[in-house]
């Protein structure tokens, strides 16, 4: 019984880990476009450098609209 419960629990954890990216917020709400526009504006204004660059947010995935 314990072994079966452990196998079922581990299977559920594995399924959730594999399925989690599918439930992540997509760029369909326009956030990806906003991310690109914000950084394009910064680049055009000469504001990108060591202190500010798109990579510091780990790309779009680590960026929030409230930024």
N, C-alpha and C. Protein backbone atom coordinates (compact mmCIF):
# COMPACT_ATOMS: atom_id res chain seq x y z
N UNK A 1 0.82 -1.20 0.00
CA UNK A 1 0.00 0.00 0.00
C UNK A 1 0.86 1.26 0.00
N UNK A 2 1.89 1.30 0.88
CA UNK A 2 2.75 2.47 0.94
C UNK A 2 3.49 2.69 -0.38
N UNK A 3 3.96 1.59 -0.96
CA UNK A 3 4.71 1.70 -2.21
C UNK A 3 3.81 2.22 -3.33
N UNK A 4 2.60 1.74 -3.41
CA UNK A 4 1.66 2.19 -4.44
C UNK A 4 1.34 3.67 -4.26
N UNK A 5 1.13 4.09 -3.04
CA UNK A 5 0.85 5.50 -2.75
C UNK A 5 2.03 6.37 -3.16
N UNK A 6 3.24 5.92 -2.87
CA UNK A 6 4.44 6.67 -3.23
C UNK A 6 4.58 6.77 -4.75
N UNK A 7 4.33 5.70 -5.46
CA UNK A 7 4.42 5.71 -6.92
C UNK A 7 3.38 6.66 -7.51
N UNK A 8 2.17 6.62 -6.99
CA UNK A 8 1.11 7.52 -7.47
C UNK A 8 1.49 8.97 -7.19
N UNK A 9 1.99 9.25 -6.00
CA UNK A 9 2.38 10.61 -5.64
C UNK A 9 3.50 11.12 -6.53
N UNK A 10 4.51 10.31 -6.76
CA UNK A 10 5.63 10.70 -7.62
C UNK A 10 5.17 10.91 -9.07
N UNK A 11 4.25 10.08 -9.52
CA UNK A 11 3.71 10.23 -10.88
C UNK A 11 2.96 11.55 -11.01
N UNK A 12 2.16 11.89 -10.02
CA UNK A 12 1.43 13.16 -10.04
C UNK A 12 2.38 14.36 -10.03
N UNK A 13 3.43 14.28 -9.22
CA UNK A 13 4.41 15.37 -9.18
C UNK A 13 5.09 15.51 -10.53
N UNK A 14 5.45 14.41 -11.14
CA UNK A 14 6.08 14.43 -12.46
C UNK A 14 5.14 15.02 -13.51
N UNK A 15 3.89 14.62 -13.48
CA UNK A 15 2.91 15.16 -14.43
C UNK A 15 2.72 16.66 -14.25
N UNK A 16 2.66 17.11 -13.02
CA UNK A 16 2.53 18.55 -12.77
C UNK A 16 3.76 19.32 -13.23
N UNK A 17 4.93 18.75 -13.01
CA UNK A 17 6.16 19.42 -13.45
C UNK A 17 6.23 19.53 -14.97
N UNK A 18 5.76 18.50 -15.65
CA UNK A 18 5.78 18.51 -17.11
C UNK A 18 4.69 19.43 -17.66
N UNK A 19 3.54 19.46 -17.01
CA UNK A 19 2.41 20.25 -17.51
C UNK A 19 2.45 21.72 -17.10
N UNK A 20 3.24 22.08 -16.10
CA UNK A 20 3.26 23.45 -15.58
C UNK A 20 3.53 24.50 -16.65
N UNK A 21 4.49 24.31 -17.55
CA UNK A 21 4.71 25.34 -18.57
C UNK A 21 3.49 25.59 -19.46
N UNK A 22 2.68 24.58 -19.65
CA UNK A 22 1.48 24.75 -20.48
C UNK A 22 0.46 25.67 -19.82
N UNK A 23 0.51 25.76 -18.50
CA UNK A 23 -0.43 26.62 -17.78
C UNK A 23 0.14 28.00 -17.49
N UNK A 24 1.36 28.25 -17.90
CA UNK A 24 1.98 29.55 -17.67
C UNK A 24 1.27 30.62 -18.50
N UNK A 25 1.38 31.85 -18.08
CA UNK A 25 0.75 32.95 -18.80
C UNK A 25 1.43 33.09 -20.15
N UNK A 26 0.63 33.15 -21.18
CA UNK A 26 1.18 33.29 -22.52
C UNK A 26 1.27 34.77 -22.89
N UNK A 27 1.90 35.02 -24.01
CA UNK A 27 2.00 36.39 -24.49
C UNK A 27 0.76 36.83 -25.25
N UNK A 28 -0.29 36.04 -25.24
CA UNK A 28 -1.50 36.34 -25.99
C UNK A 28 -2.20 37.60 -25.49
N UNK A 29 -1.89 37.99 -24.24
CA UNK A 29 -2.54 39.18 -23.70
C UNK A 29 -1.84 40.47 -24.10
N UNK A 30 -0.84 40.37 -24.97
CA UNK A 30 -0.13 41.55 -25.43
C UNK A 30 1.08 41.91 -24.59
N UNK A 31 1.33 41.15 -23.53
CA UNK A 31 2.46 41.47 -22.66
C UNK A 31 3.79 41.33 -23.39
N UNK A 32 3.90 40.36 -24.28
CA UNK A 32 5.13 40.18 -25.05
C UNK A 32 5.40 41.38 -25.94
N UNK A 33 4.36 41.91 -26.52
CA UNK A 33 4.48 43.10 -27.36
C UNK A 33 4.92 44.29 -26.51
N UNK A 34 4.35 44.41 -25.32
CA UNK A 34 4.73 45.49 -24.41
C UNK A 34 6.18 45.35 -23.98
N UNK A 35 6.61 44.13 -23.67
CA UNK A 35 8.01 43.87 -23.29
C UNK A 35 8.94 44.35 -24.40
N UNK A 36 8.63 43.99 -25.63
CA UNK A 36 9.45 44.39 -26.76
C UNK A 36 9.46 45.89 -26.96
N UNK A 37 8.30 46.52 -26.82
CA UNK A 37 8.20 47.96 -27.03
C UNK A 37 8.97 48.73 -25.96
N UNK A 38 8.87 48.30 -24.71
CA UNK A 38 9.58 48.97 -23.63
C UNK A 38 11.08 48.94 -23.89
N UNK A 39 11.59 47.78 -24.29
CA UNK A 39 13.03 47.68 -24.52
C UNK A 39 13.45 48.35 -25.82
N UNK A 40 12.58 48.39 -26.79
CA UNK A 40 12.88 49.14 -28.02
C UNK A 40 12.97 50.63 -27.70
N UNK A 41 12.05 51.12 -26.89
CA UNK A 41 12.08 52.53 -26.48
C UNK A 41 13.36 52.86 -25.71
N UNK A 42 13.74 51.96 -24.79
CA UNK A 42 14.97 52.16 -24.03
C UNK A 42 16.19 52.17 -24.95
N UNK A 43 16.22 51.28 -25.92
CA UNK A 43 17.34 51.21 -26.84
C UNK A 43 17.44 52.49 -27.67
N UNK A 44 16.31 52.98 -28.15
CA UNK A 44 16.30 54.19 -28.97
C UNK A 44 16.70 55.42 -28.16
N UNK A 45 16.42 55.40 -26.87
CA UNK A 45 16.77 56.53 -26.01
C UNK A 45 18.19 56.40 -25.46
N UNK A 46 18.89 55.31 -25.82
CA UNK A 46 20.25 55.10 -25.33
C UNK A 46 20.32 54.71 -23.88
N UNK A 47 19.26 54.11 -23.37
CA UNK A 47 19.19 53.76 -21.95
C UNK A 47 19.65 52.33 -21.64
N UNK A 48 20.01 51.57 -22.65
CA UNK A 48 20.45 50.20 -22.40
C UNK A 48 21.95 50.18 -22.15
N UNK A 49 22.36 49.35 -21.24
CA UNK A 49 23.77 49.22 -20.90
C UNK A 49 23.91 48.21 -19.79
N UNK A 50 24.98 48.32 -19.03
CA UNK A 50 25.23 47.36 -17.95
C UNK A 50 24.14 47.42 -16.88
N UNK A 51 23.58 48.59 -16.63
CA UNK A 51 22.57 48.74 -15.59
C UNK A 51 21.17 48.39 -16.03
N UNK A 52 20.92 48.39 -17.32
CA UNK A 52 19.57 48.10 -17.83
C UNK A 52 19.70 47.38 -19.17
N UNK A 53 19.26 46.16 -19.19
CA UNK A 53 19.23 45.41 -20.44
C UNK A 53 18.14 44.35 -20.37
N UNK A 54 17.60 43.91 -21.50
CA UNK A 54 16.51 42.94 -21.49
C UNK A 54 16.87 41.63 -20.79
N UNK A 55 18.13 41.25 -20.81
CA UNK A 55 18.55 40.00 -20.18
C UNK A 55 18.49 40.01 -18.67
N UNK A 56 18.48 41.20 -18.07
CA UNK A 56 18.46 41.24 -16.61
C UNK A 56 17.14 40.72 -16.05
N UNK A 57 16.12 40.62 -16.88
CA UNK A 57 14.82 40.07 -16.46
C UNK A 57 14.71 38.60 -16.84
N UNK A 58 15.76 38.01 -17.36
CA UNK A 58 15.72 36.66 -17.91
C UNK A 58 14.75 36.60 -19.07
N UNK A 59 14.72 37.66 -19.86
CA UNK A 59 13.83 37.71 -21.01
C UNK A 59 12.39 37.97 -20.61
N UNK A 60 11.50 37.72 -21.53
CA UNK A 60 10.08 37.98 -21.30
C UNK A 60 9.51 37.18 -20.14
N UNK A 61 10.00 35.96 -19.94
CA UNK A 61 9.46 35.10 -18.89
C UNK A 61 9.62 35.70 -17.49
N UNK A 62 10.68 36.48 -17.26
CA UNK A 62 10.91 37.03 -15.95
C UNK A 62 10.48 38.48 -15.82
N UNK A 63 9.78 38.99 -16.81
CA UNK A 63 9.39 40.39 -16.83
C UNK A 63 7.92 40.53 -16.46
N UNK A 64 7.59 41.57 -15.72
CA UNK A 64 6.20 41.81 -15.32
C UNK A 64 5.72 43.13 -15.90
N UNK A 65 4.46 43.19 -16.27
CA UNK A 65 3.89 44.42 -16.85
C UNK A 65 4.02 45.61 -15.91
N UNK A 66 4.06 45.37 -14.62
CA UNK A 66 4.15 46.47 -13.65
C UNK A 66 5.52 47.11 -13.62
N UNK A 67 6.48 46.55 -14.35
CA UNK A 67 7.86 47.05 -14.31
C UNK A 67 7.96 48.46 -14.84
